[in-house]
Every structure is written in C-alpha cells, then in structure tokens.
Amino acid sequence: MVVRDWELVGAPNARDLGGLLGADGRKVRAGRLIRTPALGRLTDDDLPVLAKLGPACVLDLRATAEIDVAPTDRLAGEPRVVHLPVHDPDHPVFTYVSAVLLGHDLDAYAELARQGTAGAMAEIYRWFVTGESARVNFGAAVRLAASPENLPLLYHCSAGKDRTGWLTVVLLSALGVDEAAIRAEYLRNNALTDSLRAVIIEAMRRRQPNLDADAVLPVLEVRAEYLDAGYQEVRRVHGSFDAYLRDGLGLTEDVLTALRAHLLD
C-alpha cells in the first residue's frame, strides 16, 4: 500500500507511486513518480504542497486543443514542462467520447453507439497500445522518467485516469511491479474521485436536462475491463509486456536499466 502523506484538493486523484514492490524486491522510491490530473484547478493552498513535492519535470499528455480550453496549469517553482500529446482527433472513438460528454447528437456514431460508451473506452485502451502518437509518446515518457534530471517527475492528462493510467501501467510494469498491484493502483481512481463524479454529473444535468448518466459514467471512471482491453491488445500484438516495451515503445535495455536504477530503492 502506498502511503499518501499529502493531498491536493484541486487534484483529488493525485498520488505518489512510491512504496510499490518492484523488481528484485526493491520498492519504488517515494516522491519520484507523481501522477495527477491537469493542474489548472489547484487551489492556493495546494501550491505549497506542490512546491514541497518539488517536481523537476511536469509531463502533459494532453493535445493542444485540450490545453487551450482548460484552465492553465498552476505550477510551483520552475519545473521543466514537456508536452507529449497522446491523442488522435481523427479517431472515431475519441470524437465519440467527446460527443457524449458534450451532449451532441450521436446519430453519426451509430456503430460505436452500439458498442456503448464502455465499449468505446475499451477501444481507446487498445489504441493506447497500437496508435502512433501513443507508442511514440508513451515511449518518450519512459525515457524522461529514466533520466535523473527529470525526477521527481509529475505527469498528467486531463482527468488523470486513462492516458495517465496507462502510462502508470507502463512505468510500473517496466519497474517490475506485479500485475495485481498495478491493477489495484489503477482502480484506486474511482474511490478518490467518487464525490467529484457526482458533482460533474449534476453540472452536466443542469446543462442537459435529458442527460443519459449511464452513457456518461463510463467516461468518468476507470474499469477493470478497460485495463483488460489494453493488456489483451499487448498480448495480441506483441505476445508479452516485455516485448511491447521493447518493440512497441522502442525502449532499449539501457533505458529500462536506468529507469530501475533511478526509481527503485
């Protein structure tokens, strides 16, 4: 169990990955890898907490279009900021999920609508494994984490659950954390954001009185079936997670060795 001795009110699912058991019985170092949602809603009281965490590098997985319409990230100190967008605006699943959240007419997405929103989310996780920008930028993110000048590394997307969640799966797998512990860490998001989801749905209902909450909820939470879709795609395309790290993400043994050297006690 990871001990959280800090809290960001404006980023309720933020957490330190320190304490998880990795390769050779070594633990992930505390305060080295910090996952969060976007930082634009941090409160004034959150900033001293962020300063104490002291990220040397902030990695943003959002596309430019997402950044432009969101509150500007609030940062403490002068961390290096790196943008590695994991997004495909032309991918029908991305546009379908956006249409659901915006309350748009879904007639144009008839085939995806038959899958349901949960099916669309699972498809996104499969794309995380095979999509070009996903492979290139998840690989680049691991290389960032393997360089000590970027540590502590804070990384986020918008909600801090899907792209951030899959990057966490990649990093922890590369560090030798077992799949059961990775799964438990991934699923923690729902408990941490329970009250936030209720607020979001209520706000959406005020804008869209006929909101189908059952269609929206799968986009606002993480589910084991999404993670399973990613793992299954890894096995289908690469055979194993190690092969996915090497062949899918282009990570050399030198990078993986450096990652473990700098992030495991």
Protein backbone atom coordinates (compact mmCIF):
# COMPACT_ATOMS: atom_id res chain seq x y z
CA MET A 1 0.00 0.00 0.00
CA VAL A 2 1.30 3.42 -0.95
CA VAL A 3 1.27 5.87 1.94
CA ARG A 4 -0.11 9.28 0.94
CA ASP A 5 1.08 11.94 3.36
CA TRP A 6 -0.07 14.82 1.19
CA GLU A 7 -3.22 15.89 -0.61
CA LEU A 8 -4.12 18.25 -3.44
CA VAL A 9 -7.69 19.49 -3.07
CA GLY A 10 -7.86 20.54 -6.70
CA ALA A 11 -6.47 17.20 -7.88
CA PRO A 12 -8.17 14.55 -5.73
CA ASN A 13 -6.76 11.54 -7.60
CA ALA A 14 -3.16 12.75 -7.42
CA ARG A 15 -0.82 10.24 -5.81
CA ASP A 16 2.77 9.20 -5.33
CA LEU A 17 3.64 5.76 -6.70
CA GLY A 18 6.32 5.25 -4.06
CA GLY A 19 6.20 2.12 -1.96
CA LEU A 20 5.01 -0.37 -4.56
CA LEU A 21 7.16 -3.50 -4.71
CA GLY A 22 9.17 -3.80 -7.91
CA ALA A 23 11.95 -5.92 -9.35
CA ASP A 24 14.20 -7.94 -7.02
CA GLY A 25 12.07 -6.98 -4.01
CA ARG A 26 13.03 -3.31 -4.36
CA LYS A 27 10.39 -0.65 -3.75
CA VAL A 28 9.51 2.26 -6.00
CA ARG A 29 11.14 5.32 -4.45
CA ALA A 30 8.79 7.74 -2.75
CA GLY A 31 8.46 11.19 -4.25
CA ARG A 32 9.92 10.24 -7.65
CA LEU A 33 6.81 9.48 -9.75
CA ILE A 34 3.70 11.55 -9.13
CA ARG A 35 0.53 11.08 -11.18
CA THR A 36 -2.16 13.76 -11.24
CA PRO A 37 -4.97 15.19 -13.33
CA ALA A 38 -4.42 18.54 -15.06
CA LEU A 39 -3.27 21.16 -12.56
CA GLY A 40 -5.48 24.07 -13.59
CA ARG A 41 -7.88 23.59 -10.67
CA LEU A 42 -5.31 23.54 -7.90
CA THR A 43 -6.23 25.84 -5.01
CA ASP A 44 -3.97 28.44 -3.43
CA ASP A 45 -3.48 26.03 -0.53
CA ASP A 46 -2.40 23.30 -2.95
CA LEU A 47 0.56 25.26 -4.27
CA PRO A 48 2.77 24.95 -1.16
CA VAL A 49 2.06 21.20 -1.20
CA LEU A 50 3.11 21.01 -4.83
CA ALA A 51 6.23 23.03 -4.01
CA LYS A 52 7.11 20.52 -1.30
CA LEU A 53 6.77 17.68 -3.81
CA GLY A 54 9.17 19.68 -5.99
CA PRO A 55 8.74 18.17 -9.45
CA ALA A 56 11.75 18.80 -11.67
CA CYS A 57 9.66 17.98 -14.74
CA VAL A 58 5.93 18.20 -15.47
CA LEU A 59 4.79 15.98 -18.33
CA ASP A 60 1.50 16.90 -20.03
CA LEU A 61 -0.12 14.19 -22.18
CA ARG A 62 -2.92 16.44 -23.48
CA ALA A 63 -3.34 17.66 -27.04
CA THR A 64 -3.01 21.39 -27.72
CA ALA A 65 -6.77 21.68 -28.30
CA GLU A 66 -7.43 20.30 -24.81
CA ILE A 67 -4.92 22.64 -23.20
CA ASP A 68 -6.38 25.67 -24.97
CA VAL A 69 -9.86 25.22 -23.47
CA ALA A 70 -8.77 24.22 -19.97
CA PRO A 71 -7.64 26.37 -17.02
CA THR A 72 -3.90 26.99 -17.18
CA ASP A 73 -1.86 24.56 -15.10
CA ARG A 74 -0.83 26.08 -11.79
CA LEU A 75 2.80 25.22 -11.03
CA ALA A 76 5.13 25.77 -8.12
CA GLY A 77 8.75 26.65 -8.76
CA GLU A 78 10.10 26.42 -12.29
CA PRO A 79 9.83 22.80 -13.39
CA ARG A 80 10.66 21.83 -16.94
CA VAL A 81 7.34 21.37 -18.79
CA VAL A 82 7.18 18.76 -21.55
CA HIS A 83 4.19 18.15 -23.83
CA LEU A 84 3.85 14.66 -25.29
CA PRO A 85 0.28 14.54 -26.63
CA VAL A 86 -1.39 11.14 -26.69
CA HIS A 87 -4.44 11.90 -28.81
CA ASP A 88 -5.88 11.30 -32.26
CA PRO A 89 -8.56 13.88 -33.17
CA ASP A 90 -9.49 11.83 -36.24
CA HIS A 91 -10.02 8.59 -34.34
CA PRO A 92 -13.79 7.94 -34.19
CA VAL A 93 -13.67 6.72 -30.61
CA PHE A 94 -12.09 9.95 -29.38
CA THR A 95 -14.70 12.02 -31.19
CA TYR A 96 -17.49 9.75 -29.92
CA VAL A 97 -16.44 10.11 -26.30
CA SER A 98 -16.21 13.88 -26.77
CA ALA A 99 -19.70 13.91 -28.31
CA VAL A 100 -21.11 12.02 -25.30
CA LEU A 101 -19.56 14.45 -22.84
CA LEU A 102 -20.74 17.49 -24.82
CA GLY A 103 -24.28 16.16 -25.23
CA HIS A 104 -24.08 16.11 -29.03
CA ASP A 105 -26.30 14.09 -31.35
CA LEU A 106 -24.84 10.59 -31.57
CA ASP A 107 -26.54 9.57 -34.85
CA ALA A 108 -23.22 9.90 -36.69
CA TYR A 109 -21.70 7.36 -34.33
CA ALA A 110 -24.29 4.62 -34.78
CA GLU A 111 -21.75 1.76 -34.93
CA LEU A 112 -19.86 2.99 -31.87
CA ALA A 113 -23.11 3.70 -30.05
CA ARG A 114 -23.97 0.01 -30.44
CA GLN A 115 -20.82 -0.78 -28.50
CA GLY A 116 -21.86 1.65 -25.80
CA THR A 117 -19.62 4.13 -24.08
CA ALA A 118 -17.84 1.44 -22.09
CA GLY A 119 -17.01 -0.36 -25.33
CA ALA A 120 -15.66 2.88 -26.77
CA MET A 121 -13.46 3.39 -23.73
CA ALA A 122 -12.07 -0.14 -24.08
CA GLU A 123 -11.28 0.67 -27.73
CA ILE A 124 -9.28 3.71 -26.60
CA TYR A 125 -7.16 1.47 -24.38
CA ARG A 126 -6.48 -0.80 -27.35
CA TRP A 127 -5.44 2.32 -29.28
CA PHE A 128 -3.04 3.21 -26.45
CA VAL A 129 -1.11 0.08 -27.46
CA THR A 130 -1.18 0.50 -31.25
CA GLY A 131 -1.79 4.20 -32.00
CA GLU A 132 1.21 6.00 -33.45
CA SER A 133 1.22 9.01 -31.10
CA ALA A 134 0.54 6.69 -28.17
CA ARG A 135 3.51 4.44 -28.95
CA VAL A 136 5.88 7.31 -29.69
CA ASN A 137 4.96 9.48 -26.73
CA PHE A 138 4.49 6.79 -24.09
CA GLY A 139 7.96 5.59 -25.07
CA ALA A 140 9.32 9.12 -24.83
CA ALA A 141 7.67 9.49 -21.41
CA VAL A 142 9.50 6.42 -20.08
CA ARG A 143 12.78 7.82 -21.37
CA LEU A 144 12.04 11.05 -19.48
CA ALA A 145 11.47 9.08 -16.29
CA ALA A 146 14.74 7.19 -16.78
CA SER A 147 16.77 10.44 -16.71
CA PRO A 148 17.56 11.67 -13.17
CA GLU A 149 17.39 15.35 -14.17
CA ASN A 150 13.64 14.88 -14.72
CA LEU A 151 12.98 13.48 -11.24
CA PRO A 152 10.73 13.97 -9.44
CA LEU A 153 8.50 13.56 -12.50
CA LEU A 154 4.87 14.70 -12.29
CA TYR A 155 2.73 13.56 -15.21
CA HIS A 156 -0.88 14.17 -16.15
CA CYS A 157 -3.51 14.28 -18.88
CA SER A 158 -6.93 15.92 -18.37
CA ALA A 159 -8.71 13.76 -15.79
CA GLY A 160 -5.58 11.85 -14.77
CA LYS A 161 -7.15 8.43 -15.22
CA ASP A 162 -6.83 6.98 -18.74
CA ARG A 163 -3.70 8.24 -20.53
CA THR A 164 -2.14 8.87 -17.12
CA GLY A 165 -3.41 5.47 -16.01
CA TRP A 166 -1.89 3.61 -18.97
CA LEU A 167 1.43 5.43 -18.62
CA THR A 168 1.41 4.33 -14.98
CA VAL A 169 0.83 0.74 -16.12
CA VAL A 170 3.79 1.07 -18.50
CA LEU A 171 6.12 2.61 -15.89
CA LEU A 172 5.23 0.17 -13.13
CA SER A 173 5.49 -2.83 -15.45
CA ALA A 174 8.93 -1.66 -16.56
CA LEU A 175 9.88 -1.38 -12.88
CA GLY A 176 8.83 -4.96 -12.24
CA VAL A 177 5.69 -4.29 -10.20
CA ASP A 178 3.32 -7.26 -10.48
CA GLU A 179 0.08 -7.01 -12.41
CA ALA A 180 -2.20 -7.40 -9.38
CA ALA A 181 -0.59 -4.42 -7.64
CA ILE A 182 -0.73 -2.38 -10.86
CA ARG A 183 -4.42 -3.20 -11.26
CA ALA A 184 -5.19 -2.17 -7.68
CA GLU A 185 -3.33 1.12 -8.17
CA TYR A 186 -5.23 1.80 -11.39
CA LEU A 187 -8.64 1.14 -9.83
CA ARG A 188 -7.95 3.46 -6.87
CA ASN A 189 -9.02 6.33 -9.11
CA ASN A 190 -12.72 5.62 -8.58
CA ALA A 191 -12.66 5.85 -4.79
CA LEU A 192 -10.57 9.01 -4.93
CA THR A 193 -12.95 10.76 -7.35
CA ASP A 194 -16.33 9.48 -6.18
CA SER A 195 -17.62 12.85 -4.97
CA LEU A 196 -16.12 14.64 -7.97
CA ARG A 197 -18.01 12.38 -10.40
CA ALA A 198 -21.28 13.21 -8.66
CA VAL A 199 -20.56 16.94 -8.99
CA ILE A 200 -19.68 16.59 -12.68
CA ILE A 201 -22.84 14.64 -13.50
CA GLU A 202 -25.02 17.15 -11.64
CA ALA A 203 -23.38 20.03 -13.51
CA MET A 204 -23.95 18.22 -16.81
CA ARG A 205 -27.60 17.64 -15.91
CA ARG A 206 -28.08 21.36 -15.40
CA ARG A 207 -26.81 21.98 -18.94
CA GLN A 208 -28.51 18.91 -20.44
CA PRO A 209 -31.75 18.04 -18.58
CA ASN A 210 -32.14 14.84 -20.64
CA LEU A 211 -28.63 13.64 -19.88
CA ASP A 212 -28.17 9.88 -20.04
CA ALA A 213 -25.99 9.40 -16.95
CA ASP A 214 -25.48 5.73 -17.82
CA ALA A 215 -23.80 6.80 -21.07
CA VAL A 216 -21.59 9.36 -19.34
CA LEU A 217 -20.48 7.39 -16.28
CA PRO A 218 -18.15 5.01 -18.17
CA VAL A 219 -16.19 8.05 -19.38
CA LEU A 220 -15.79 9.44 -15.85
CA GLU A 221 -14.46 6.34 -14.14
CA VAL A 222 -11.92 3.61 -14.70
CA ARG A 223 -12.96 0.00 -15.09
CA ALA A 224 -11.14 -3.31 -15.00
CA GLU A 225 -12.48 -4.08 -18.48
CA TYR A 226 -10.62 -1.08 -19.91
CA LEU A 227 -7.35 -2.23 -18.43
CA ASP A 228 -8.06 -5.76 -19.64
CA ALA A 229 -8.55 -4.41 -23.17
CA GLY A 230 -5.11 -2.81 -23.06
CA TYR A 231 -3.43 -5.93 -21.71
CA GLN A 232 -5.20 -8.14 -24.27
CA GLU A 233 -4.04 -5.86 -27.10
CA VAL A 234 -0.47 -6.05 -25.81
CA ARG A 235 -0.63 -9.85 -25.89
CA ARG A 236 -2.34 -9.91 -29.31
CA VAL A 237 0.17 -7.60 -30.98
CA HIS A 238 3.39 -8.28 -29.07
CA GLY A 239 2.91 -11.52 -27.15
CA SER A 240 4.17 -10.12 -23.84
CA PHE A 241 4.52 -6.84 -21.98
CA ASP A 242 8.31 -7.03 -22.20
CA ALA A 243 8.08 -7.28 -25.99
CA TYR A 244 5.65 -4.34 -26.03
CA LEU A 245 8.13 -2.22 -24.07
CA ARG A 246 10.91 -3.17 -26.47
CA ASP A 247 9.18 -3.35 -29.84
CA GLY A 248 6.08 -1.23 -29.34
CA LEU A 249 7.61 1.61 -27.35
CA GLY A 250 11.19 1.31 -28.61
CA LEU A 251 12.71 1.06 -25.13
CA THR A 252 16.22 -0.31 -25.03
CA GLU A 253 17.66 -2.39 -22.23
CA ASP A 254 19.84 0.59 -21.28
CA VAL A 255 16.74 2.76 -20.76
CA LEU A 256 14.98 0.10 -18.69
CA THR A 257 18.09 -0.48 -16.58
CA ALA A 258 18.43 3.28 -15.95
CA LEU A 259 14.74 3.50 -15.05
CA ARG A 260 15.14 0.85 -12.38
CA ALA A 261 18.40 2.32 -11.11
CA HIS A 262 16.87 5.73 -10.51
CA LEU A 263 13.39 4.73 -9.36
CA LEU A 264 13.86 1.62 -7.22
CA ASP A 265 15.37 1.62 -3.73
